[in-house]
Protein backbone atom coordinates (compact mmCIF):
# COMPACT_ATOMS: atom_id res chain seq x y z
CA UNK A 1 -44.04 19.81 -21.71
CA UNK A 2 -40.70 19.82 -19.79
CA UNK A 3 -38.75 16.64 -19.57
CA UNK A 4 -38.13 14.63 -16.35
CA UNK A 5 -35.55 12.68 -15.20
CA UNK A 6 -31.99 12.95 -16.32
CA UNK A 7 -29.31 14.02 -13.62
CA UNK A 8 -31.84 16.32 -11.67
CA UNK A 9 -33.46 16.12 -8.67
CA UNK A 10 -33.49 13.40 -5.96
CA UNK A 11 -31.48 11.30 -7.98
CA UNK A 12 -28.45 13.67 -8.03
CA UNK A 13 -28.65 14.20 -4.22
CA UNK A 14 -28.62 10.67 -3.78
CA UNK A 15 -25.90 10.03 -6.09
CA UNK A 16 -24.03 12.85 -4.36
CA UNK A 17 -24.36 10.91 -0.97
CA UNK A 18 -22.89 7.78 -2.49
CA UNK A 19 -19.93 9.71 -4.00
CA UNK A 20 -19.29 11.31 -0.16
CA UNK A 21 -19.60 7.94 1.47
CA UNK A 22 -17.21 6.38 -1.06
CA UNK A 23 -14.75 9.34 -0.51
CA UNK A 24 -14.89 8.69 3.14
CA UNK A 25 -14.46 5.50 3.01
CA UNK A 26 -11.36 5.57 0.33
CA UNK A 27 -9.78 8.09 3.31
CA UNK A 28 -10.10 5.35 6.09
CA UNK A 29 -8.67 2.70 3.80
CA UNK A 30 -5.95 5.00 2.80
CA UNK A 31 -5.23 5.76 6.72
CA UNK A 32 -5.68 2.01 7.52
CA UNK A 33 -2.67 1.30 4.91
CA UNK A 34 -0.71 4.03 6.19
CA UNK A 35 -0.88 2.93 9.57
CA UNK A 36 -0.03 -0.38 8.88
CA UNK A 37 3.59 -1.97 9.25
CA UNK A 38 5.04 -4.48 7.19
CA UNK A 39 8.21 -6.54 7.78
CA UNK A 40 10.00 -8.45 5.56
CA UNK A 41 13.23 -10.32 5.46
CA UNK A 42 15.78 -11.67 2.88
CA UNK A 43 19.04 -14.29 3.60
CA UNK A 44 16.95 -17.05 6.04
CA UNK A 45 16.10 -13.64 8.33
CA UNK A 46 19.79 -12.58 8.30
CA UNK A 47 18.31 -9.17 6.69
CA UNK A 48 14.90 -7.67 7.86
CA UNK A 49 13.24 -4.54 6.65
CA UNK A 50 10.05 -2.85 8.78
CA UNK A 51 8.24 -0.36 6.36
CA UNK A 52 4.66 1.66 6.80
CA UNK A 53 1.93 1.66 4.22
CA UNK A 54 3.39 4.95 2.78
CA UNK A 55 6.53 2.92 1.86
CA UNK A 56 8.60 4.82 4.44
CA UNK A 57 11.24 2.66 5.59
CA UNK A 58 11.42 2.54 9.52
CA UNK A 59 14.15 0.20 10.40
CA UNK A 60 16.87 -2.37 9.08
CA UNK A 61 18.26 -5.13 10.93
CA UNK A 62 21.43 -6.82 10.24
CA UNK A 63 22.35 -9.84 11.65
CA UNK A 64 26.02 -9.45 12.41
CA UNK A 65 26.64 -13.09 10.65
CA UNK A 66 25.52 -11.39 7.42
CA UNK A 67 28.36 -8.76 7.49
CA UNK A 68 31.33 -10.26 5.95
CA UNK A 69 33.75 -7.53 4.20
CA UNK A 70 34.85 -10.16 1.73
CA UNK A 71 31.12 -10.16 0.35
CA UNK A 72 29.96 -6.89 0.70
CA UNK A 73 27.53 -7.46 -2.58
CA UNK A 74 26.20 -10.40 -0.98
CA UNK A 75 24.79 -8.23 2.08
CA UNK A 76 24.27 -5.28 -0.32
CA UNK A 77 21.60 -7.81 -2.76
CA UNK A 78 19.94 -9.31 0.59
CA UNK A 79 19.09 -5.48 1.80
CA UNK A 80 17.88 -4.52 -1.92
CA UNK A 81 15.55 -7.86 -1.85
CA UNK A 82 14.08 -7.28 1.79
CA UNK A 83 13.20 -3.55 0.65
CA UNK A 84 11.78 -5.07 -2.55
CA UNK A 85 9.57 -7.23 -0.94
CA UNK A 86 8.19 -4.90 1.52
CA UNK A 87 7.26 -2.63 -1.25
CA UNK A 88 5.71 -5.31 -2.94
CA UNK A 89 3.78 -6.10 0.58
CA UNK A 90 2.57 -2.79 0.85
CA UNK A 91 1.44 -2.39 -3.13
CA UNK A 92 -0.82 -5.80 -2.40
CA UNK A 93 -2.12 -4.38 0.62
CA UNK A 94 -2.94 -0.97 -1.21
CA UNK A 95 -4.80 -2.99 -4.12
CA UNK A 96 -6.37 -5.32 -1.74
CA UNK A 97 -7.81 -2.68 0.12
CA UNK A 98 -8.37 0.27 -3.02
CA UNK A 99 -9.13 -2.01 -5.46
CA UNK A 100 -13.08 -2.16 -4.34
CA UNK A 101 -12.77 1.56 -5.14
CA UNK A 102 -10.91 1.29 -8.38
CA UNK A 103 -12.58 -1.37 -10.13
CA UNK A 104 -9.52 -3.24 -9.92
CA UNK A 105 -7.57 -0.81 -12.17
CA UNK A 106 -4.05 -1.28 -11.05
CA UNK A 107 -2.16 1.59 -10.19
CA UNK A 108 -4.33 4.19 -9.28
CA UNK A 109 -3.06 4.70 -5.20
């Protein structure tokens, strides 16, 4: 007598539909992330960085008061801090939107 159940029949078809829906949902979430613009600043707003969800820096604005030829290192630190904050915000956004697909396993996206 043939054994029934397992991965065949209607169960497999239903599972494939669920997988396809999850793929579509993941692609939609990824597109939303990539279209998002993140703004970060440092030095009390003296340096502002705008980044998209693909971690591409779109703009950097530096207040002229932050430009001190005698202390370039401070300006470099403010730019670095603002860029790193923008990256962190993109990663947090990605984790919040994609975490439901990855079961909370960090680093998959």
